[in-house]
Amino acid sequence: MEFRLAISSMIKFTNVSKEYKIDEGYTFFALKKVNLEIKEKEFVSIMGPSGSGKSTLMHLIGLLDRPTNGQIYIANKEISKISDDEISRLRNEFVGFVFQQFNLISKLTVFENVVLPTIYSRRSLDFSPQERTLEILTKFGLKDKINSYPNKLSGGQQQRVAMARALIMKPRLILADEPTGNLDSKTGHEIMMLLEKLNKEEKITIVLVTHEVDIAKYAKRTIKIRDGMIEN
């Protein structure tokens, strides 16, 4: 199944709800009939207070969870009609994740952390993982750190490694969940400028979750969510 997009719509939610059964007789609605569309090559930020549903929205966009009700489409393909194995493959090859906590593996070198997703790929790659890893790390100014371990890097360097890992499979979409949360202001803006450059030059769709207004301004469009609903 080929998921490379030839259309303008990247992600589409139609009346998507997500419910959690907390206790017998009580249901928490994390999302309530959400409708949204994210187009290919967009740079979008998602903002909302704690408990607003933005993390749930992010998990659904990133195919880490399925909705209770409603439909999620990727390139006009409805996710509910795709098997779990296909979902896993799509997530690995279509989406790149950047998290606040970096999530690097401490026992692996920078090079090994970045190349890791290629090991789990189920498709034949049209590139050399080793060459692409070196190319990205060089572009990110980390060529001299390829044999270093995460605990020897600064926070900004670790986040750049995490971004390099997110890019290794040539994703069409990057989901960045509070990517500047553990960084000082200067380093955080450097990371955002790097994301902005990836969007402009490589045409990668960026979806950013943040609670910081000055960080959200890097996006071309902001989606605001409150109490599980998109604000108009």
C-alpha atoms as a PDB file:
ATOM      1  CA  MET A   1       0.000   0.000   0.000  1.00  0.00           C
ATOM      2  CA  GLU A   2       1.494   3.340  -1.063  1.00  0.00           C
ATOM      3  CA  PHE A   3       0.916   6.332   1.184  1.00  0.00           C
ATOM      4  CA  ARG A   4       2.946   8.992  -0.567  1.00  0.00           C
ATOM      5  CA  LEU A   5       0.640  11.943  -1.051  1.00  0.00           C
ATOM      6  CA  ALA A   6      -0.291  13.290  -4.445  1.00  0.00           C
ATOM      7  CA  ILE A   7      -3.035  15.528  -3.059  1.00  0.00           C
ATOM      8  CA  SER A   8      -3.132  18.664  -0.941  1.00  0.00           C
ATOM      9  CA  SER A   9      -4.784  17.176   2.161  1.00  0.00           C
ATOM     10  CA  MET A  10      -2.336  15.597   4.601  1.00  0.00           C
ATOM     11  CA  ILE A  11      -4.590  14.877   7.583  1.00  0.00           C
ATOM     12  CA  LYS A  12      -8.357  15.165   7.859  1.00  0.00           C
ATOM     13  CA  PHE A  13     -10.551  14.634  10.924  1.00  0.00           C
ATOM     14  CA  THR A  14     -14.301  14.252  10.518  1.00  0.00           C
ATOM     15  CA  ASN A  15     -16.398  14.358  13.711  1.00  0.00           C
ATOM     16  CA  VAL A  16     -13.603  12.713  15.689  1.00  0.00           C
ATOM     17  CA  SER A  17     -14.229  11.984  19.373  1.00  0.00           C
ATOM     18  CA  LYS A  18     -12.062  10.240  21.927  1.00  0.00           C
ATOM     19  CA  GLU A  19     -13.553   8.868  25.129  1.00  0.00           C
ATOM     20  CA  TYR A  20     -11.969   7.300  28.194  1.00  0.00           C
ATOM     21  CA  LYS A  21     -13.863   5.206  30.717  1.00  0.00           C
ATOM     22  CA  ILE A  22     -12.608   6.482  34.091  1.00  0.00           C
ATOM     23  CA  ASP A  23     -14.931   4.765  36.527  1.00  0.00           C
ATOM     24  CA  GLU A  24     -18.095   2.764  36.181  1.00  0.00           C
ATOM     25  CA  GLY A  25     -20.732   5.153  34.943  1.00  0.00           C
ATOM     26  CA  TYR A  26     -18.285   7.995  34.149  1.00  0.00           C
ATOM     27  CA  THR A  27     -16.792   8.784  30.743  1.00  0.00           C
ATOM     28  CA  PHE A  28     -14.215  11.493  30.071  1.00  0.00           C
ATOM     29  CA  PHE A  29     -14.426  13.081  26.617  1.00  0.00           C
ATOM     30  CA  ALA A  30     -10.885  14.100  25.629  1.00  0.00           C
ATOM     31  CA  LEU A  31     -12.043  15.179  22.161  1.00  0.00           C
ATOM     32  CA  LYS A  32     -15.571  16.059  21.076  1.00  0.00           C
ATOM     33  CA  LYS A  33     -16.547  15.862  17.397  1.00  0.00           C
ATOM     34  CA  VAL A  34     -13.375  17.492  16.118  1.00  0.00           C
ATOM     35  CA  ASN A  35     -13.228  18.543  12.476  1.00  0.00           C
ATOM     36  CA  LEU A  36      -9.944  19.757  11.026  1.00  0.00           C
ATOM     37  CA  GLU A  37      -7.765  19.546   7.968  1.00  0.00           C
ATOM     38  CA  ILE A  38      -4.011  19.950   7.676  1.00  0.00           C
ATOM     39  CA  LYS A  39      -2.720  20.406   4.170  1.00  0.00           C
ATOM     40  CA  GLU A  40       0.491  19.091   2.729  1.00  0.00           C
ATOM     41  CA  LYS A  41       3.491  21.413   3.312  1.00  0.00           C
ATOM     42  CA  GLU A  42       1.709  23.399   6.049  1.00  0.00           C
ATOM     43  CA  PHE A  43       3.363  24.505   9.289  1.00  0.00           C
ATOM     44  CA  VAL A  44       0.631  24.348  11.928  1.00  0.00           C
ATOM     45  CA  SER A  45       0.759  24.877  15.684  1.00  0.00           C
ATOM     46  CA  ILE A  46      -1.723  23.394  18.159  1.00  0.00           C
ATOM     47  CA  MET A  47      -2.292  25.405  21.324  1.00  0.00           C
ATOM     48  CA  GLY A  48      -4.439  24.873  24.376  1.00  0.00           C
ATOM     49  CA  PRO A  49      -4.304  24.850  28.172  1.00  0.00           C
ATOM     50  CA  SER A  50      -3.443  21.758  30.188  1.00  0.00           C
ATOM     51  CA  GLY A  51      -6.180  19.166  29.805  1.00  0.00           C
ATOM     52  CA  SER A  52      -7.562  20.777  26.656  1.00  0.00           C
ATOM     53  CA  GLY A  53      -7.098  17.675  24.519  1.00  0.00           C
ATOM     54  CA  LYS A  54      -4.055  18.782  22.515  1.00  0.00           C
ATOM     55  CA  SER A  55      -1.986  15.720  23.489  1.00  0.00           C
ATOM     56  CA  THR A  56      -4.856  13.406  22.545  1.00  0.00           C
ATOM     57  CA  LEU A  57      -5.149  15.226  19.229  1.00  0.00           C
ATOM     58  CA  MET A  58      -1.407  14.800  18.685  1.00  0.00           C
ATOM     59  CA  HIS A  59      -1.569  11.067  19.425  1.00  0.00           C
ATOM     60  CA  LEU A  60      -4.352  10.604  16.907  1.00  0.00           C
ATOM     61  CA  ILE A  61      -2.557  12.601  14.223  1.00  0.00           C
ATOM     62  CA  GLY A  62       0.575  10.546  14.882  1.00  0.00           C
ATOM     63  CA  LEU A  63      -1.344   7.252  14.619  1.00  0.00           C
ATOM     64  CA  LEU A  64      -0.437   6.371  18.195  1.00  0.00           C
ATOM     65  CA  ASP A  65      -4.117   5.879  19.038  1.00  0.00           C
ATOM     66  CA  ARG A  66      -7.467   5.405  17.333  1.00  0.00           C
ATOM     67  CA  PRO A  67     -10.605   7.524  17.796  1.00  0.00           C
ATOM     68  CA  THR A  68     -13.675   6.305  19.648  1.00  0.00           C
ATOM     69  CA  ASN A  69     -15.909   7.831  16.983  1.00  0.00           C
ATOM     70  CA  GLY A  70     -15.445   9.656  13.708  1.00  0.00           C
ATOM     71  CA  GLN A  71     -13.029   9.212  10.824  1.00  0.00           C
ATOM     72  CA  ILE A  72      -9.367  10.052  10.354  1.00  0.00           C
ATOM     73  CA  TYR A  73      -8.041  10.198   6.806  1.00  0.00           C
ATOM     74  CA  ILE A  74      -4.507  10.234   5.487  1.00  0.00           C
ATOM     75  CA  ALA A  75      -4.357  11.000   1.769  1.00  0.00           C
ATOM     76  CA  ASN A  76      -8.072  10.181   1.601  1.00  0.00           C
ATOM     77  CA  LYS A  77      -7.487   6.746   3.139  1.00  0.00           C
ATOM     78  CA  GLU A  78      -9.585   6.092   6.211  1.00  0.00           C
ATOM     79  CA  ILE A  79      -7.400   4.844   9.062  1.00  0.00           C
ATOM     80  CA  SER A  80     -10.136   2.657  10.564  1.00  0.00           C
ATOM     81  CA  LYS A  81      -9.923   0.496   7.435  1.00  0.00           C
ATOM     82  CA  ILE A  82      -6.178  -0.076   7.774  1.00  0.00           C
ATOM     83  CA  SER A  83      -4.772  -3.022   9.765  1.00  0.00           C
ATOM     84  CA  ASP A  84      -2.628  -2.560  12.870  1.00  0.00           C
ATOM     85  CA  ASP A  85       0.437  -3.777  10.947  1.00  0.00           C
ATOM     86  CA  GLU A  86      -0.183  -1.231   8.218  1.00  0.00           C
ATOM     87  CA  ILE A  87      -0.694   1.484  10.833  1.00  0.00           C
ATOM     88  CA  SER A  88       2.682   0.605  12.382  1.00  0.00           C
ATOM     89  CA  ARG A  89       4.394   0.717   9.003  1.00  0.00           C
ATOM     90  CA  LEU A  90       2.751   3.998   8.100  1.00  0.00           C
ATOM     91  CA  ARG A  91       3.743   5.551  11.424  1.00  0.00           C
ATOM     92  CA  ASN A  92       7.361   4.451  10.982  1.00  0.00           C
ATOM     93  CA  GLU A  93       7.706   5.625   7.390  1.00  0.00           C
ATOM     94  CA  PHE A  94       5.288   8.548   7.087  1.00  0.00           C
ATOM     95  CA  VAL A  95       5.651  10.372  10.429  1.00  0.00           C
ATOM     96  CA  GLY A  96       8.700  11.691  12.252  1.00  0.00           C
ATOM     97  CA  PHE A  97       8.355  12.461  15.970  1.00  0.00           C
ATOM     98  CA  VAL A  98      10.187  15.091  18.027  1.00  0.00           C
ATOM     99  CA  PHE A  99       9.465  15.096  21.763  1.00  0.00           C
ATOM    100  CA  GLN A 100      10.197  17.415  24.669  1.00  0.00           C
ATOM    101  CA  GLN A 101      12.222  14.724  26.456  1.00  0.00           C
ATOM    102  CA  PHE A 102      14.369  13.909  23.346  1.00  0.00           C
ATOM    103  CA  ASN A 103      13.837  10.144  23.972  1.00  0.00           C
ATOM    104  CA  LEU A 104      17.338   9.209  22.873  1.00  0.00           C
ATOM    105  CA  ILE A 105      18.706   5.802  23.857  1.00  0.00           C
ATOM    106  CA  SER A 106      21.544   6.433  26.305  1.00  0.00           C
ATOM    107  CA  LYS A 107      23.518   3.292  25.405  1.00  0.00           C
ATOM    108  CA  LEU A 108      23.613   4.169  21.709  1.00  0.00           C
ATOM    109  CA  THR A 109      25.867   6.722  20.046  1.00  0.00           C
ATOM    110  CA  VAL A 110      24.481   9.717  18.163  1.00  0.00           C
ATOM    111  CA  PHE A 111      24.939   7.866  14.876  1.00  0.00           C
ATOM    112  CA  GLU A 112      23.241   4.724  16.201  1.00  0.00           C
ATOM    113  CA  ASN A 113      20.289   6.706  17.584  1.00  0.00           C
ATOM    114  CA  VAL A 114      19.649   8.387  14.241  1.00  0.00           C
ATOM    115  CA  VAL A 115      19.971   5.279  12.075  1.00  0.00           C
ATOM    116  CA  LEU A 116      17.799   3.143  14.380  1.00  0.00           C
ATOM    117  CA  PRO A 117      14.395   3.640  12.635  1.00  0.00           C
ATOM    118  CA  THR A 118      15.787   2.217   9.390  1.00  0.00           C
ATOM    119  CA  ILE A 119      16.425  -1.090  11.134  1.00  0.00           C
ATOM    120  CA  TYR A 120      12.708  -1.533  11.797  1.00  0.00           C
ATOM    121  CA  SER A 121      11.597  -0.571   8.303  1.00  0.00           C
ATOM    122  CA  ARG A 122       9.632  -3.236   6.455  1.00  0.00           C
ATOM    123  CA  ARG A 123      10.207  -1.750   3.032  1.00  0.00           C
ATOM    124  CA  SER A 124      13.230  -1.727   0.797  1.00  0.00           C
ATOM    125  CA  LEU A 125      14.935   1.634   1.304  1.00  0.00           C
ATOM    126  CA  ASP A 126      15.883   3.792  -1.665  1.00  0.00           C
ATOM    127  CA  PHE A 127      18.828   5.275   0.215  1.00  0.00           C
ATOM    128  CA  SER A 128      21.828   4.192   2.233  1.00  0.00           C
ATOM    129  CA  PRO A 129      20.916   4.581   5.946  1.00  0.00           C
ATOM    130  CA  GLN A 130      24.553   5.189   6.866  1.00  0.00           C
ATOM    131  CA  GLU A 131      25.089   7.834   4.190  1.00  0.00           C
ATOM    132  CA  ARG A 132      21.811   9.591   4.965  1.00  0.00           C
ATOM    133  CA  THR A 133      22.562   9.608   8.713  1.00  0.00           C
ATOM    134  CA  LEU A 134      25.940  11.215   8.114  1.00  0.00           C
ATOM    135  CA  GLU A 135      24.401  13.711   5.677  1.00  0.00           C
ATOM    136  CA  ILE A 136      21.726  14.857   8.139  1.00  0.00           C
ATOM    137  CA  LEU A 137      24.086  15.046  11.112  1.00  0.00           C
ATOM    138  CA  THR A 138      26.523  17.097   9.039  1.00  0.00           C
ATOM    139  CA  LYS A 139      23.709  19.454   7.989  1.00  0.00           C
ATOM    140  CA  PHE A 140      22.743  19.857  11.662  1.00  0.00           C
ATOM    141  CA  GLY A 141      26.326  20.655  12.692  1.00  0.00           C
ATOM    142  CA  LEU A 142      26.830  17.356  14.527  1.00  0.00           C
ATOM    143  CA  LYS A 143      29.365  15.586  12.333  1.00  0.00           C
ATOM    144  CA  ASP A 144      31.972  15.704  15.094  1.00  0.00           C
ATOM    145  CA  LYS A 145      29.497  14.139  17.568  1.00  0.00           C
ATOM    146  CA  ILE A 146      28.575  10.953  15.692  1.00  0.00           C
ATOM    147  CA  ASN A 147      30.437   8.712  18.140  1.00  0.00           C
ATOM    148  CA  SER A 148      29.346  10.615  21.246  1.00  0.00           C
ATOM    149  CA  TYR A 149      26.670   9.423  23.646  1.00  0.00           C
ATOM    150  CA  PRO A 150      23.590  11.509  24.534  1.00  0.00           C
ATOM    151  CA  ASN A 151      24.782  12.311  28.062  1.00  0.00           C
ATOM    152  CA  LYS A 152      27.799  14.085  26.568  1.00  0.00           C
ATOM    153  CA  LEU A 153      25.636  16.492  24.578  1.00  0.00           C
ATOM    154  CA  SER A 154      23.915  19.752  25.451  1.00  0.00           C
ATOM    155  CA  GLY A 155      20.131  19.938  25.419  1.00  0.00           C
ATOM    156  CA  GLY A 156      20.136  21.691  22.061  1.00  0.00           C
ATOM    157  CA  GLN A 157      22.449  19.079  20.568  1.00  0.00           C
ATOM    158  CA  GLN A 158      20.261  16.261  21.882  1.00  0.00           C
ATOM    159  CA  GLN A 159      17.185  17.826  20.303  1.00  0.00           C
ATOM    160  CA  ARG A 160      18.981  18.162  16.978  1.00  0.00           C
ATOM    161  CA  VAL A 161      19.873  14.467  17.184  1.00  0.00           C
ATOM    162  CA  ALA A 162      16.211  13.704  17.888  1.00  0.00           C
ATOM    163  CA  MET A 163      15.224  15.774  14.845  1.00  0.00           C
ATOM    164  CA  ALA A 164      17.792  13.975  12.709  1.00  0.00           C
ATOM    165  CA  ARG A 165      16.296  10.658  13.833  1.00  0.00           C
ATOM    166  CA  ALA A 166      12.823  11.964  12.941  1.00  0.00           C
ATOM    167  CA  LEU A 167      14.047  12.767   9.412  1.00  0.00           C
ATOM    168  CA  ILE A 168      15.940   9.566   8.650  1.00  0.00           C
ATOM    169  CA  MET A 169      12.974   7.791   6.983  1.00  0.00           C
ATOM    170  CA  LYS A 170      12.204  10.812   4.775  1.00  0.00           C
ATOM    171  CA  PRO A 171       8.843  11.491   6.463  1.00  0.00           C
ATOM    172  CA  ARG A 172       6.183  13.692   4.901  1.00  0.00           C
ATOM    173  CA  LEU A 173       5.022  14.849   8.338  1.00  0.00           C
ATOM    174  CA  ILE A 174       6.885  15.849  11.510  1.00  0.00           C
ATOM    175  CA  LEU A 175       5.027  16.019  14.808  1.00  0.00           C
ATOM    176  CA  ALA A 176       6.842  18.142  17.363  1.00  0.00           C
ATOM    177  CA  ASP A 177       5.433  17.890  20.898  1.00  0.00           C
ATOM    178  CA  GLU A 178       6.735  20.787  23.026  1.00  0.00           C
ATOM    179  CA  PRO A 179      10.164  20.501  21.315  1.00  0.00           C
ATOM    180  CA  THR A 180      11.555  23.542  23.152  1.00  0.00           C
ATOM    181  CA  GLY A 181      10.183  22.654  26.588  1.00  0.00           C
ATOM    182  CA  ASN A 182      13.526  21.517  28.015  1.00  0.00           C
ATOM    183  CA  LEU A 183      15.630  24.178  26.335  1.00  0.00           C
ATOM    184  CA  ASP A 184      16.638  27.720  27.214  1.00  0.00           C
ATOM    185  CA  SER A 185      15.085  30.524  25.186  1.00  0.00           C
ATOM    186  CA  LYS A 186      17.989  31.021  22.763  1.00  0.00           C
ATOM    187  CA  THR A 187      18.401  27.311  22.033  1.00  0.00           C
ATOM    188  CA  GLY A 188      14.637  26.880  21.723  1.00  0.00           C
ATOM    189  CA  HIS A 189      14.442  29.517  19.016  1.00  0.00           C
ATOM    190  CA  GLU A 190      17.371  27.887  17.199  1.00  0.00           C
ATOM    191  CA  ILE A 191      15.417  24.610  17.136  1.00  0.00           C
ATOM    192  CA  MET A 192      12.326  26.409  15.852  1.00  0.00           C
ATOM    193  CA  MET A 193      14.347  28.073  13.093  1.00  0.00           C
ATOM    194  CA  LEU A 194      15.561  24.616  12.082  1.00  0.00           C
ATOM    195  CA  LEU A 195      11.966  23.317  11.915  1.00  0.00           C
ATOM    196  CA  GLU A 196      10.984  26.394   9.924  1.00  0.00           C
ATOM    197  CA  LYS A 197      13.815  25.725   7.485  1.00  0.00           C
ATOM    198  CA  LEU A 198      12.738  22.089   7.032  1.00  0.00           C
ATOM    199  CA  ASN A 199       9.235  23.260   6.217  1.00  0.00           C
ATOM    200  CA  LYS A 200      10.352  25.930   3.739  1.00  0.00           C
ATOM    201  CA  GLU A 201      13.208  24.133   1.992  1.00  0.00           C
ATOM    202  CA  GLU A 202      12.225  20.454   2.181  1.00  0.00           C
ATOM    203  CA  LYS A 203       8.450  21.053   2.113  1.00  0.00           C
ATOM    204  CA  ILE A 204       7.870  18.801   5.126  1.00  0.00           C
ATOM    205  CA  THR A 205       4.545  19.310   6.860  1.00  0.00           C
ATOM    206  CA  ILE A 206       5.106  20.370  10.480  1.00  0.00           C
ATOM    207  CA  VAL A 207       2.553  20.022  13.272  1.00  0.00           C
ATOM    208  CA  LEU A 208       3.745  21.645  16.500  1.00  0.00           C
ATOM    209  CA  VAL A 209       2.170  21.298  19.939  1.00  0.00           C
ATOM    210  CA  THR A 210       3.135  24.124  22.291  1.00  0.00           C
ATOM    211  CA  HIS A 211       1.763  26.295  25.082  1.00  0.00           C
ATOM    212  CA  GLU A 212       4.207  29.121  24.306  1.00  0.00           C
ATOM    213  CA  VAL A 213       2.808  31.946  22.190  1.00  0.00           C
ATOM    214  CA  ASP A 214       6.216  33.080  20.898  1.00  0.00           C
ATOM    215  CA  ILE A 215       6.999  29.522  19.754  1.00  0.00           C
ATOM    216  CA  ALA A 216       3.587  29.078  18.105  1.00  0.00           C
ATOM    217  CA  LYS A 217       4.281  32.192  16.016  1.00  0.00           C
ATOM    218  CA  TYR A 218       6.762  30.237  13.903  1.00  0.00           C
ATOM    219  CA  ALA A 219       3.794  28.363  12.431  1.00  0.00           C
ATOM    220  CA  LYS A 220       1.739  29.801   9.604  1.00  0.00           C
ATOM    221  CA  ARG A 221      -1.531  28.741  11.231  1.00  0.00           C
ATOM    222  CA  THR A 222      -2.582  28.034  14.810  1.00  0.00           C
ATOM    223  CA  ILE A 223      -5.293  25.580  15.837  1.00  0.00           C
ATOM    224  CA  LYS A 224      -6.644  26.376  19.295  1.00  0.00           C
ATOM    225  CA  ILE A 225      -8.296  23.667  21.362  1.00  0.00           C
ATOM    226  CA  ARG A 226     -10.178  23.934  24.648  1.00  0.00           C
ATOM    227  CA  ASP A 227     -12.241  21.353  26.517  1.00  0.00           C
ATOM    228  CA  GLY A 228     -11.764  18.849  23.704  1.00  0.00           C
ATOM    229  CA  MET A 229     -13.142  21.148  21.006  1.00  0.00           C
ATOM    230  CA  ILE A 230     -11.523  23.243  18.294  1.00  0.00           C
ATOM    231  CA  GLU A 231     -12.083  26.959  18.838  1.00  0.00           C
ATOM    232  CA  ASN A 232     -13.257  28.900  15.796  1.00  0.00           C
END
